[in-house]
C-alpha atoms as a PDB file:
ATOM      1  CA  MET A   1      26.467 -18.716  35.527  1.00  0.00           C
ATOM      2  CA  ASN A   2      24.941 -15.286  36.026  1.00  0.00           C
ATOM      3  CA  TRP A   3      22.228 -15.868  38.627  1.00  0.00           C
ATOM      4  CA  ILE A   4      19.487 -13.257  39.043  1.00  0.00           C
ATOM      5  CA  ARG A   5      19.069 -12.470  42.725  1.00  0.00           C
ATOM      6  CA  GLU A   6      16.377 -10.786  44.755  1.00  0.00           C
ATOM      7  CA  GLU A   7      18.100  -7.468  45.512  1.00  0.00           C
ATOM      8  CA  ASN A   8      17.517  -5.948  42.056  1.00  0.00           C
ATOM      9  CA  PHE A   9      15.373  -8.633  40.477  1.00  0.00           C
ATOM     10  CA  GLU A  10      12.897  -6.735  38.295  1.00  0.00           C
ATOM     11  CA  ASN A  11      15.492  -4.323  36.950  1.00  0.00           C
ATOM     12  CA  ASP A  12      17.914  -7.171  36.130  1.00  0.00           C
ATOM     13  CA  MET A  13      15.161  -9.104  34.387  1.00  0.00           C
ATOM     14  CA  LYS A  14      14.200  -6.112  32.248  1.00  0.00           C
ATOM     15  CA  THR A  15      17.671  -4.757  31.454  1.00  0.00           C
ATOM     16  CA  LEU A  16      19.693  -7.972  31.276  1.00  0.00           C
ATOM     17  CA  VAL A  17      17.580 -11.103  30.860  1.00  0.00           C
ATOM     18  CA  GLU A  18      14.818  -9.906  28.546  1.00  0.00           C
ATOM     19  CA  PRO A  19      17.177  -8.233  25.996  1.00  0.00           C
ATOM     20  CA  PHE A  20      19.479 -11.260  26.072  1.00  0.00           C
ATOM     21  CA  LEU A  21      16.624 -13.649  25.274  1.00  0.00           C
ATOM     22  CA  ALA A  22      14.989 -11.342  22.713  1.00  0.00           C
ATOM     23  CA  GLN A  23      18.097 -11.657  20.541  1.00  0.00           C
ATOM     24  CA  ARG A  24      17.860 -15.443  20.613  1.00  0.00           C
ATOM     25  CA  MET A  25      14.118 -16.019  20.362  1.00  0.00           C
ATOM     26  CA  GLU A  26      11.990 -16.965  17.409  1.00  0.00           C
ATOM     27  CA  SER A  27       8.297 -17.722  17.709  1.00  0.00           C
ATOM     28  CA  GLY A  28       5.461 -19.036  15.619  1.00  0.00           C
ATOM     29  CA  PHE A  29       2.425 -21.271  15.433  1.00  0.00           C
ATOM     30  CA  PHE A  30       1.863 -24.839  14.310  1.00  0.00           C
ATOM     31  CA  GLU A  31      -1.298 -26.841  13.690  1.00  0.00           C
ATOM     32  CA  ARG A  32      -1.625 -30.496  14.566  1.00  0.00           C
ATOM     33  CA  ASN A  33      -5.220 -30.308  13.381  1.00  0.00           C
ATOM     34  CA  PRO A  34      -6.601 -27.659  11.003  1.00  0.00           C
ATOM     35  CA  GLY A  35      -7.572 -24.485  12.850  1.00  0.00           C
ATOM     36  CA  GLU A  36      -5.935 -25.548  16.125  1.00  0.00           C
ATOM     37  CA  THR A  37      -3.084 -23.043  16.295  1.00  0.00           C
ATOM     38  CA  ILE A  38      -0.500 -23.761  18.990  1.00  0.00           C
ATOM     39  CA  TYR A  39       1.964 -21.002  19.867  1.00  0.00           C
ATOM     40  CA  TYR A  40       5.627 -21.874  20.433  1.00  0.00           C
ATOM     41  CA  GLU A  41       8.939 -20.207  21.192  1.00  0.00           C
ATOM     42  CA  HIS A  42      12.483 -21.319  20.363  1.00  0.00           C
ATOM     43  CA  TYR A  43      15.595 -19.892  22.037  1.00  0.00           C
ATOM     44  CA  LYS A  44      18.961 -20.501  20.399  1.00  0.00           C
ATOM     45  CA  ALA A  45      22.147 -21.240  22.331  1.00  0.00           C
ATOM     46  CA  ASP A  46      25.765 -20.895  21.262  1.00  0.00           C
ATOM     47  CA  ASP A  47      27.194 -24.343  20.461  1.00  0.00           C
ATOM     48  CA  PRO A  48      24.404 -26.197  22.339  1.00  0.00           C
ATOM     49  CA  LYS A  49      25.043 -29.583  23.913  1.00  0.00           C
ATOM     50  CA  ALA A  50      21.343 -30.554  24.070  1.00  0.00           C
ATOM     51  CA  CYS A  51      17.814 -29.241  23.572  1.00  0.00           C
ATOM     52  CA  VAL A  52      15.225 -28.744  26.297  1.00  0.00           C
ATOM     53  CA  VAL A  53      11.455 -28.725  25.793  1.00  0.00           C
ATOM     54  CA  ILE A  54       9.516 -26.870  28.500  1.00  0.00           C
ATOM     55  CA  CYS A  55       6.042 -28.143  29.379  1.00  0.00           C
ATOM     56  CA  HIS A  56       4.309 -25.505  31.529  1.00  0.00           C
ATOM     57  CA  GLY A  57       1.619 -25.884  34.156  1.00  0.00           C
ATOM     58  CA  PHE A  58      -2.076 -25.062  34.474  1.00  0.00           C
ATOM     59  CA  THR A  59      -3.019 -21.399  33.701  1.00  0.00           C
ATOM     60  CA  GLU A  60       0.616 -20.717  32.822  1.00  0.00           C
ATOM     61  CA  SER A  61       2.450 -19.850  29.600  1.00  0.00           C
ATOM     62  CA  ILE A  62       5.946 -20.169  28.214  1.00  0.00           C
ATOM     63  CA  LYS A  63       6.203 -16.471  29.149  1.00  0.00           C
ATOM     64  CA  LYS A  64       6.364 -17.475  32.817  1.00  0.00           C
ATOM     65  CA  PHE A  65       9.688 -19.254  32.251  1.00  0.00           C
ATOM     66  CA  THR A  66      11.846 -16.282  31.258  1.00  0.00           C
ATOM     67  CA  GLU A  67      14.284 -16.736  34.147  1.00  0.00           C
ATOM     68  CA  PRO A  68      14.588 -20.548  33.750  1.00  0.00           C
ATOM     69  CA  ILE A  69      15.189 -20.150  30.001  1.00  0.00           C
ATOM     70  CA  TYR A  70      17.955 -17.648  30.749  1.00  0.00           C
ATOM     71  CA  TYR A  71      19.721 -20.183  32.970  1.00  0.00           C
ATOM     72  CA  MET A  72      19.232 -23.009  30.471  1.00  0.00           C
ATOM     73  CA  ILE A  73      20.768 -20.968  27.653  1.00  0.00           C
ATOM     74  CA  GLN A  74      23.763 -20.055  29.821  1.00  0.00           C
ATOM     75  CA  ALA A  75      24.222 -23.726  30.712  1.00  0.00           C
ATOM     76  CA  GLY A  76      24.407 -24.636  27.018  1.00  0.00           C
ATOM     77  CA  TYR A  77      20.898 -25.855  26.244  1.00  0.00           C
ATOM     78  CA  GLU A  78      18.762 -24.760  23.333  1.00  0.00           C
ATOM     79  CA  VAL A  79      15.185 -24.227  24.558  1.00  0.00           C
ATOM     80  CA  TRP A  80      11.762 -24.861  23.040  1.00  0.00           C
ATOM     81  CA  GLY A  81       8.313 -24.443  24.562  1.00  0.00           C
ATOM     82  CA  VAL A  82       4.637 -24.148  23.720  1.00  0.00           C
ATOM     83  CA  ASP A  83       1.557 -22.507  25.156  1.00  0.00           C
ATOM     84  CA  HIS A  84      -0.739 -25.470  25.702  1.00  0.00           C
ATOM     85  CA  ARG A  85      -4.153 -25.307  24.062  1.00  0.00           C
ATOM     86  CA  GLY A  86      -6.444 -23.061  26.086  1.00  0.00           C
ATOM     87  CA  HIS A  87      -3.434 -21.113  27.399  1.00  0.00           C
ATOM     88  CA  GLY A  88      -1.463 -18.049  26.362  1.00  0.00           C
ATOM     89  CA  ARG A  89      -1.522 -17.337  22.643  1.00  0.00           C
ATOM     90  CA  SER A  90      -2.756 -20.774  21.628  1.00  0.00           C
ATOM     91  CA  PHE A  91      -6.304 -21.384  20.410  1.00  0.00           C
ATOM     92  CA  ARG A  92      -9.293 -21.666  22.707  1.00  0.00           C
ATOM     93  CA  ILE A  93     -12.681 -23.280  22.256  1.00  0.00           C
ATOM     94  CA  ASN A  94     -14.598 -21.572  25.055  1.00  0.00           C
ATOM     95  CA  ASP A  95     -15.964 -18.036  25.194  1.00  0.00           C
ATOM     96  CA  ASN A  96     -14.483 -17.066  28.571  1.00  0.00           C
ATOM     97  CA  PRO A  97     -10.787 -16.212  28.026  1.00  0.00           C
ATOM     98  CA  HIS A  98     -10.024 -16.683  31.731  1.00  0.00           C
ATOM     99  CA  VAL A  99     -11.220 -20.311  31.853  1.00  0.00           C
ATOM    100  CA  VAL A 100      -8.985 -23.168  30.686  1.00  0.00           C
ATOM    101  CA  HIS A 101     -11.010 -25.750  28.809  1.00  0.00           C
ATOM    102  CA  VAL A 102      -9.953 -28.961  27.086  1.00  0.00           C
ATOM    103  CA  GLU A 103     -12.159 -31.668  25.620  1.00  0.00           C
ATOM    104  CA  HIS A 104      -9.607 -34.471  26.041  1.00  0.00           C
ATOM    105  CA  PHE A 105      -6.500 -34.276  28.230  1.00  0.00           C
ATOM    106  CA  ARG A 106      -4.613 -36.504  25.806  1.00  0.00           C
ATOM    107  CA  ASP A 107      -4.740 -33.653  23.277  1.00  0.00           C
ATOM    108  CA  TYR A 108      -2.031 -32.017  25.398  1.00  0.00           C
ATOM    109  CA  GLU A 109       0.111 -35.126  24.984  1.00  0.00           C
ATOM    110  CA  ARG A 110      -0.519 -35.350  21.248  1.00  0.00           C
ATOM    111  CA  ASP A 111       0.357 -31.657  20.791  1.00  0.00           C
ATOM    112  CA  LEU A 112       3.657 -32.104  22.649  1.00  0.00           C
ATOM    113  CA  VAL A 113       4.594 -35.226  20.697  1.00  0.00           C
ATOM    114  CA  TYR A 114       3.771 -33.556  17.375  1.00  0.00           C
ATOM    115  CA  PHE A 115       5.744 -30.453  18.340  1.00  0.00           C
ATOM    116  CA  THR A 116       8.788 -32.497  19.370  1.00  0.00           C
ATOM    117  CA  GLU A 117       8.732 -34.810  16.366  1.00  0.00           C
ATOM    118  CA  ASN A 118       8.037 -32.184  13.705  1.00  0.00           C
ATOM    119  CA  LEU A 119       9.769 -29.021  14.968  1.00  0.00           C
ATOM    120  CA  VAL A 120      12.250 -29.780  17.735  1.00  0.00           C
ATOM    121  CA  LYS A 121      13.831 -33.021  16.520  1.00  0.00           C
ATOM    122  CA  PRO A 122      14.436 -31.894  12.902  1.00  0.00           C
ATOM    123  CA  ALA A 123      16.165 -28.735  14.168  1.00  0.00           C
ATOM    124  CA  SER A 124      18.186 -30.472  16.898  1.00  0.00           C
ATOM    125  CA  GLN A 125      20.668 -32.049  14.466  1.00  0.00           C
ATOM    126  CA  GLY A 126      20.945 -35.211  16.524  1.00  0.00           C
ATOM    127  CA  LEU A 127      21.477 -33.525  19.904  1.00  0.00           C
ATOM    128  CA  PRO A 128      19.899 -35.106  22.994  1.00  0.00           C
ATOM    129  CA  VAL A 129      16.425 -33.748  23.726  1.00  0.00           C
ATOM    130  CA  TYR A 130      15.401 -33.302  27.364  1.00  0.00           C
ATOM    131  CA  LEU A 131      12.025 -32.519  28.909  1.00  0.00           C
ATOM    132  CA  TYR A 132      11.358 -30.043  31.720  1.00  0.00           C
ATOM    133  CA  CYS A 133       7.830 -30.113  33.153  1.00  0.00           C
ATOM    134  CA  HIS A 134       5.981 -28.272  35.901  1.00  0.00           C
ATOM    135  CA  SER A 135       2.682 -29.224  37.576  1.00  0.00           C
ATOM    136  CA  MET A 136       0.034 -29.980  34.906  1.00  0.00           C
ATOM    137  CA  GLY A 137       2.960 -30.168  32.505  1.00  0.00           C
ATOM    138  CA  GLY A 138       4.337 -32.964  34.690  1.00  0.00           C
ATOM    139  CA  CYS A 139       1.203 -35.024  34.081  1.00  0.00           C
ATOM    140  CA  ILE A 140       1.447 -34.330  30.350  1.00  0.00           C
ATOM    141  CA  GLY A 141       5.156 -35.117  30.340  1.00  0.00           C
ATOM    142  CA  ALA A 142       4.760 -38.322  32.344  1.00  0.00           C
ATOM    143  CA  GLU A 143       2.097 -39.488  29.919  1.00  0.00           C
ATOM    144  CA  VAL A 144       4.363 -38.681  26.971  1.00  0.00           C
ATOM    145  CA  ILE A 145       7.392 -40.590  28.286  1.00  0.00           C
ATOM    146  CA  GLU A 146       5.196 -43.575  29.150  1.00  0.00           C
ATOM    147  CA  ASP A 147       3.545 -43.758  25.724  1.00  0.00           C
ATOM    148  CA  ASN A 148       6.568 -42.597  23.671  1.00  0.00           C
ATOM    149  CA  GLN A 149       9.379 -44.149  25.615  1.00  0.00           C
ATOM    150  CA  TYR A 150      12.380 -42.813  23.700  1.00  0.00           C
ATOM    151  CA  LEU A 151      11.099 -39.515  22.311  1.00  0.00           C
ATOM    152  CA  PHE A 152      13.102 -37.754  25.050  1.00  0.00           C
ATOM    153  CA  ASP A 153      16.467 -38.731  26.483  1.00  0.00           C
ATOM    154  CA  LYS A 154      15.873 -37.497  30.048  1.00  0.00           C
ATOM    155  CA  ALA A 155      13.047 -35.751  31.895  1.00  0.00           C
ATOM    156  CA  VAL A 156      12.656 -33.460  34.898  1.00  0.00           C
ATOM    157  CA  LEU A 157       9.238 -33.407  36.590  1.00  0.00           C
ATOM    158  CA  SER A 158       8.941 -30.447  38.968  1.00  0.00           C
ATOM    159  CA  SER A 159       5.942 -30.651  41.339  1.00  0.00           C
ATOM    160  CA  PRO A 160       4.157 -32.863  38.788  1.00  0.00           C
ATOM    161  CA  MET A 161       0.374 -33.150  38.859  1.00  0.00           C
ATOM    162  CA  LEU A 162       0.082 -36.905  39.416  1.00  0.00           C
ATOM    163  CA  GLY A 163      -2.751 -36.639  41.893  1.00  0.00           C
ATOM    164  CA  LEU A 164      -5.166 -33.749  42.499  1.00  0.00           C
ATOM    165  CA  THR A 165      -6.248 -32.400  45.855  1.00  0.00           C
ATOM    166  CA  PHE A 166      -9.612 -30.796  46.633  1.00  0.00           C
ATOM    167  CA  GLY A 167      -9.128 -30.228  50.344  1.00  0.00           C
ATOM    168  CA  ARG A 168     -11.119 -32.740  52.352  1.00  0.00           C
ATOM    169  CA  VAL A 169     -13.391 -33.707  49.468  1.00  0.00           C
ATOM    170  CA  PRO A 170     -12.363 -37.038  47.853  1.00  0.00           C
ATOM    171  CA  VAL A 171     -11.528 -36.883  44.153  1.00  0.00           C
ATOM    172  CA  PRO A 172     -14.236 -39.451  43.182  1.00  0.00           C
ATOM    173  CA  VAL A 173     -16.885 -37.232  44.808  1.00  0.00           C
ATOM    174  CA  VAL A 174     -15.654 -34.185  42.904  1.00  0.00           C
ATOM    175  CA  TYR A 175     -15.524 -36.193  39.671  1.00  0.00           C
ATOM    176  CA  ALA A 176     -19.086 -37.458  40.157  1.00  0.00           C
ATOM    177  CA  ALA A 177     -20.353 -33.942  40.892  1.00  0.00           C
ATOM    178  CA  ALA A 178     -18.604 -32.592  37.792  1.00  0.00           C
ATOM    179  CA  SER A 179     -20.170 -35.326  35.686  1.00  0.00           C
ATOM    180  CA  ILE A 180     -23.622 -34.337  36.885  1.00  0.00           C
ATOM    181  CA  ILE A 181     -23.332 -30.573  36.426  1.00  0.00           C
ATOM    182  CA  GLY A 182     -21.067 -30.606  33.365  1.00  0.00           C
ATOM    183  CA  ILE A 183     -23.651 -31.671  30.797  1.00  0.00           C
ATOM    184  CA  GLY A 184     -23.531 -30.300  27.243  1.00  0.00           C
ATOM    185  CA  GLU A 185     -22.201 -26.764  26.910  1.00  0.00           C
ATOM    186  CA  ARG A 186     -22.090 -26.444  30.700  1.00  0.00           C
ATOM    187  CA  ARG A 187     -18.906 -28.526  30.607  1.00  0.00           C
ATOM    188  CA  LYS A 188     -17.137 -25.314  29.513  1.00  0.00           C
ATOM    189  CA  ASN A 189     -18.304 -23.385  32.573  1.00  0.00           C
ATOM    190  CA  PRO A 190     -15.782 -22.547  35.311  1.00  0.00           C
ATOM    191  CA  PHE A 191     -15.346 -25.210  37.972  1.00  0.00           C
ATOM    192  CA  GLY A 192     -15.176 -24.000  41.575  1.00  0.00           C
ATOM    193  CA  SER A 193     -14.974 -20.267  40.815  1.00  0.00           C
ATOM    194  CA  ASP A 194     -16.775 -17.509  38.945  1.00  0.00           C
ATOM    195  CA  GLY A 195     -14.236 -17.678  36.132  1.00  0.00           C
ATOM    196  CA  SER A 196     -13.063 -14.075  36.369  1.00  0.00           C
ATOM    197  CA  PHE A 197      -9.489 -12.793  36.551  1.00  0.00           C
ATOM    198  CA  ASN A 198      -8.563 -10.985  39.776  1.00  0.00           C
ATOM    199  CA  PRO A 199      -6.348  -7.960  38.985  1.00  0.00           C
ATOM    200  CA  GLU A 200      -5.173  -7.721  42.607  1.00  0.00           C
ATOM    201  CA  PRO A 201      -1.950  -9.549  43.557  1.00  0.00           C
ATOM    202  CA  ASP A 202      -2.120 -12.125  46.355  1.00  0.00           C
ATOM    203  CA  PHE A 203       1.327 -13.561  46.982  1.00  0.00           C
ATOM    204  CA  GLU A 204       0.449 -15.025  50.377  1.00  0.00           C
ATOM    205  CA  ASN A 205      -2.205 -17.315  48.905  1.00  0.00           C
ATOM    206  CA  SER A 206      -0.304 -18.076  45.714  1.00  0.00           C
ATOM    207  CA  ALA A 207       1.755 -21.148  44.857  1.00  0.00           C
ATOM    208  CA  GLY A 208       4.937 -19.050  44.716  1.00  0.00           C
ATOM    209  CA  ASN A 209       7.927 -19.004  47.067  1.00  0.00           C
ATOM    210  CA  SER A 210       9.595 -15.755  45.997  1.00  0.00           C
ATOM    211  CA  ARG A 211       7.724 -12.474  46.262  1.00  0.00           C
ATOM    212  CA  CYS A 212       9.803 -10.596  43.674  1.00  0.00           C
ATOM    213  CA  ARG A 213       9.401 -13.400  41.137  1.00  0.00           C
ATOM    214  CA  TYR A 214       5.665 -13.599  41.791  1.00  0.00           C
ATOM    215  CA  GLU A 215       5.277  -9.835  41.341  1.00  0.00           C
ATOM    216  CA  TYR A 216       7.389  -9.784  38.171  1.00  0.00           C
ATOM    217  CA  TYR A 217       5.147 -12.313  36.430  1.00  0.00           C
ATOM    218  CA  PHE A 218       1.924 -10.890  37.869  1.00  0.00           C
ATOM    219  CA  LYS A 219       2.750  -7.556  36.240  1.00  0.00           C
ATOM    220  CA  LYS A 220       3.141  -9.447  32.966  1.00  0.00           C
ATOM    221  CA  THR A 221      -0.356 -10.894  33.344  1.00  0.00           C
ATOM    222  CA  LEU A 222      -1.831  -7.452  33.989  1.00  0.00           C
ATOM    223  CA  ASN A 223      -0.256  -6.131  30.775  1.00  0.00           C
ATOM    224  CA  ASP A 224      -1.105  -9.127  28.565  1.00  0.00           C
ATOM    225  CA  PRO A 225      -4.703 -10.463  28.394  1.00  0.00           C
ATOM    226  CA  HIS A 226      -3.393 -13.702  26.841  1.00  0.00           C
ATOM    227  CA  LEU A 227      -1.877 -14.588  30.224  1.00  0.00           C
ATOM    228  CA  GLN A 228      -4.988 -14.001  32.322  1.00  0.00           C
ATOM    229  CA  THR A 229      -6.194 -17.587  32.560  1.00  0.00           C
ATOM    230  CA  CYS A 230      -7.150 -18.421  36.122  1.00  0.00           C
ATOM    231  CA  SER A 231      -9.846 -21.113  36.352  1.00  0.00           C
ATOM    232  CA  PRO A 232     -10.501 -24.648  35.092  1.00  0.00           C
ATOM    233  CA  SER A 233     -13.616 -25.616  33.208  1.00  0.00           C
ATOM    234  CA  ILE A 234     -15.753 -28.443  34.546  1.00  0.00           C
ATOM    235  CA  GLN A 235     -14.531 -30.643  31.693  1.00  0.00           C
ATOM    236  CA  TRP A 236     -10.894 -29.769  32.430  1.00  0.00           C
ATOM    237  CA  GLY A 237     -11.355 -30.933  36.023  1.00  0.00           C
ATOM    238  CA  LYS A 238     -12.827 -34.246  34.918  1.00  0.00           C
ATOM    239  CA  GLN A 239     -10.157 -34.797  32.302  1.00  0.00           C
ATOM    240  CA  ALA A 240      -7.320 -33.908  34.688  1.00  0.00           C
ATOM    241  CA  ALA A 241      -8.544 -36.373  37.331  1.00  0.00           C
ATOM    242  CA  ARG A 242      -8.817 -39.080  34.688  1.00  0.00           C
ATOM    243  CA  ALA A 243      -5.348 -38.260  33.321  1.00  0.00           C
ATOM    244  CA  CYS A 244      -3.759 -38.591  36.776  1.00  0.00           C
ATOM    245  CA  ARG A 245      -5.220 -42.067  37.186  1.00  0.00           C
ATOM    246  CA  TYR A 246      -4.084 -43.046  33.687  1.00  0.00           C
ATOM    247  CA  VAL A 247      -0.513 -41.842  34.209  1.00  0.00           C
ATOM    248  CA  MET A 248      -0.184 -43.545  37.587  1.00  0.00           C
ATOM    249  CA  SER A 249      -1.420 -46.848  36.152  1.00  0.00           C
ATOM    250  CA  LYS A 250       1.485 -46.931  33.670  1.00  0.00           C
ATOM    251  CA  ALA A 251       4.364 -45.556  35.734  1.00  0.00           C
ATOM    252  CA  ASP A 252       6.308 -48.793  35.300  1.00  0.00           C
ATOM    253  CA  LEU A 253       6.563 -48.098  31.545  1.00  0.00           C
ATOM    254  CA  VAL A 254       9.056 -45.247  32.045  1.00  0.00           C
ATOM    255  CA  ARG A 255      12.351 -46.224  30.411  1.00  0.00           C
ATOM    256  CA  ILE A 256      14.427 -43.013  30.522  1.00  0.00           C
ATOM    257  CA  PRO A 257      16.163 -41.313  33.481  1.00  0.00           C
ATOM    258  CA  VAL A 258      13.718 -39.079  35.375  1.00  0.00           C
ATOM    259  CA  LEU A 259      14.384 -36.577  38.154  1.00  0.00           C
ATOM    260  CA  LEU A 260      11.269 -35.694  40.182  1.00  0.00           C
ATOM    261  CA  PHE A 261      11.206 -32.646  42.471  1.00  0.00           C
ATOM    262  CA  GLN A 262       8.668 -32.566  45.284  1.00  0.00           C
ATOM    263  CA  ALA A 263       7.613 -29.402  47.144  1.00  0.00           C
ATOM    264  CA  GLY A 264       7.235 -30.243  50.823  1.00  0.00           C
ATOM    265  CA  ALA A 265       4.506 -27.628  51.465  1.00  0.00           C
ATOM    266  CA  ASP A 266       2.560 -28.296  48.272  1.00  0.00           C
ATOM    267  CA  THR A 267      -1.219 -27.863  48.568  1.00  0.00           C
ATOM    268  CA  ILE A 268      -1.937 -28.011  44.823  1.00  0.00           C
ATOM    269  CA  VAL A 269      -1.018 -31.606  43.989  1.00  0.00           C
ATOM    270  CA  LYS A 270      -0.668 -34.801  46.013  1.00  0.00           C
ATOM    271  CA  ASN A 271       2.840 -35.616  47.166  1.00  0.00           C
ATOM    272  CA  ALA A 272       1.733 -39.152  48.014  1.00  0.00           C
ATOM    273  CA  ALA A 273       1.049 -39.771  44.322  1.00  0.00           C
ATOM    274  CA  GLN A 274       4.539 -38.483  43.482  1.00  0.00           C
ATOM    275  CA  ASP A 275       6.029 -40.888  46.033  1.00  0.00           C
ATOM    276  CA  LEU A 276       4.271 -43.819  44.374  1.00  0.00           C
ATOM    277  CA  PHE A 277       5.231 -42.697  40.873  1.00  0.00           C
ATOM    278  CA  ALA A 278       8.882 -42.389  41.879  1.00  0.00           C
ATOM    279  CA  ASP A 279       8.788 -45.886  43.349  1.00  0.00           C
ATOM    280  CA  TRP A 280       6.954 -47.504  40.442  1.00  0.00           C
ATOM    281  CA  SER A 281       8.958 -45.737  37.715  1.00  0.00           C
ATOM    282  CA  ASP A 282      12.295 -46.081  39.535  1.00  0.00           C
ATOM    283  CA  CYS A 283      13.030 -42.358  39.096  1.00  0.00           C
ATOM    284  CA  GLU A 284      15.078 -40.166  41.425  1.00  0.00           C
ATOM    285  CA  LEU A 285      12.960 -38.268  43.957  1.00  0.00           C
ATOM    286  CA  CYS A 286      14.308 -34.985  45.342  1.00  0.00           C
ATOM    287  CA  GLN A 287      12.256 -33.514  48.177  1.00  0.00           C
ATOM    288  CA  ILE A 288      12.502 -29.802  49.025  1.00  0.00           C
ATOM    289  CA  PRO A 289      11.022 -29.324  52.514  1.00  0.00           C
ATOM    290  CA  GLY A 290       8.880 -26.339  53.386  1.00  0.00           C
ATOM    291  CA  LYS A 291       8.457 -25.024  49.836  1.00  0.00           C
ATOM    292  CA  LYS A 292       5.243 -24.364  47.968  1.00  0.00           C
ATOM    293  CA  HIS A 293       4.266 -25.641  44.536  1.00  0.00           C
ATOM    294  CA  GLU A 294       6.274 -23.401  42.182  1.00  0.00           C
ATOM    295  CA  LEU A 295       9.812 -24.599  42.860  1.00  0.00           C
ATOM    296  CA  TYR A 296      11.245 -22.836  39.821  1.00  0.00           C
ATOM    297  CA  MET A 297      10.233 -19.548  41.495  1.00  0.00           C
ATOM    298  CA  MET A 298      12.061 -19.930  44.823  1.00  0.00           C
ATOM    299  CA  ASP A 299      14.480 -17.395  46.273  1.00  0.00           C
ATOM    300  CA  SER A 300      18.086 -17.730  45.128  1.00  0.00           C
ATOM    301  CA  GLU A 301      19.419 -19.630  48.128  1.00  0.00           C
ATOM    302  CA  ASP A 302      17.118 -22.520  47.215  1.00  0.00           C
ATOM    303  CA  LEU A 303      16.763 -21.855  43.495  1.00  0.00           C
ATOM    304  CA  ILE A 304      20.464 -22.087  42.642  1.00  0.00           C
ATOM    305  CA  PRO A 305      20.927 -25.614  44.113  1.00  0.00           C
ATOM    306  CA  TYR A 306      17.692 -26.635  42.336  1.00  0.00           C
ATOM    307  CA  TRP A 307      19.046 -25.639  38.917  1.00  0.00           C
ATOM    308  CA  GLU A 308      22.529 -26.965  39.654  1.00  0.00           C
ATOM    309  CA  LYS A 309      21.045 -30.380  40.372  1.00  0.00           C
ATOM    310  CA  ILE A 310      19.018 -30.280  37.156  1.00  0.00           C
ATOM    311  CA  PHE A 311      22.023 -29.285  35.031  1.00  0.00           C
ATOM    312  CA  ALA A 312      24.151 -32.001  36.650  1.00  0.00           C
ATOM    313  CA  PHE A 313      21.400 -34.540  35.914  1.00  0.00           C
ATOM    314  CA  TRP A 314      21.181 -33.522  32.263  1.00  0.00           C
ATOM    315  CA  GLY A 315      24.968 -33.302  31.953  1.00  0.00           C
END
C-alpha cells in the first residue's frame, strides 16, 4: 500500500493520486425521478475482489474522498459514489447554492438504493458490495441497511450521524423552533447561520484532524462553486432530527456485519447515540480517543491503522 503522508501531501496528491484516479474514473448522472439529476463517480480496480459504495456526509461531495478512494483501489476494491441531492453536482431545489435543503430525508435513502440496484449491482458481476459511510451518510446508510437488509454485504459507519447535538439546547426544543419558523418557503432558509460561504480557512474550528488534508480539500472548494455548501436549511434540520430518531428505533433490524468508528472528541454528532446503536444492532464499535469528527482525514499515524482495520473487516 502506498500511503500518502504529511511531509509532501499536496504535491503527492496532485502528481500521484489525482492522475492515478483520473485514468480509472468515469462519471455521469442518473435520475430516480424525472428532472432530479444525481451525479455519480465510478473508479475501476484491477481484478477487484469487491465493490464499495461511498456515502458522504453533510455539505460534502464525493470529491472529498480522493485519498480514501486511492487506498480502496490499491486494496482491490472497485469504488462508486454519489453527490447527494443538494450537494456537489447533483440537483438543488433552493435558490441559495450554499444551503443544503431536502424535503424528505428518506429521499437520500431512496437515491442510494436506486443507485446501488440499478448501476452498481449490474456492473459488479456478482462481487460483494460494501458500504462506507461518514456522518450524515452514516444516518442514510444505517437507514438503508435496516430497510433493505441484504442490499449490502457489509457496512462501515464512520462517525455516523445517529443523534444530533446543538450544544446545550435539547433537540426537541430546536425541532419545535424550526417547525414554527420554517413555514412555507421559509423552510428553505438557512438554519442557524446566514447561509453564506466563508472563503477563509479555519482549521482550528473545523471537524478535521489533519491540517494538510483540510487545506487540500479547502482549496478544492475555493476553486469549485459546486463544493461550497456550508449550511443546512430549516427543513433539513427538521428532517435530520426525525431521521436520527427513525434509524435508532430500528437498529435491531440490522442483519449484516457493521463496523462503527467513533471519534472521541466529536462535537458534531452524539457519541451516546452511537453507543446505543452499536448495542442494539450488535455491531462492532471502534472508539478512537481524542479525535474530531472527520476520522478519514486524520494524520497518517492514526489514519493507516484506521484503513487497515476497515480492509481487514471487509476482507
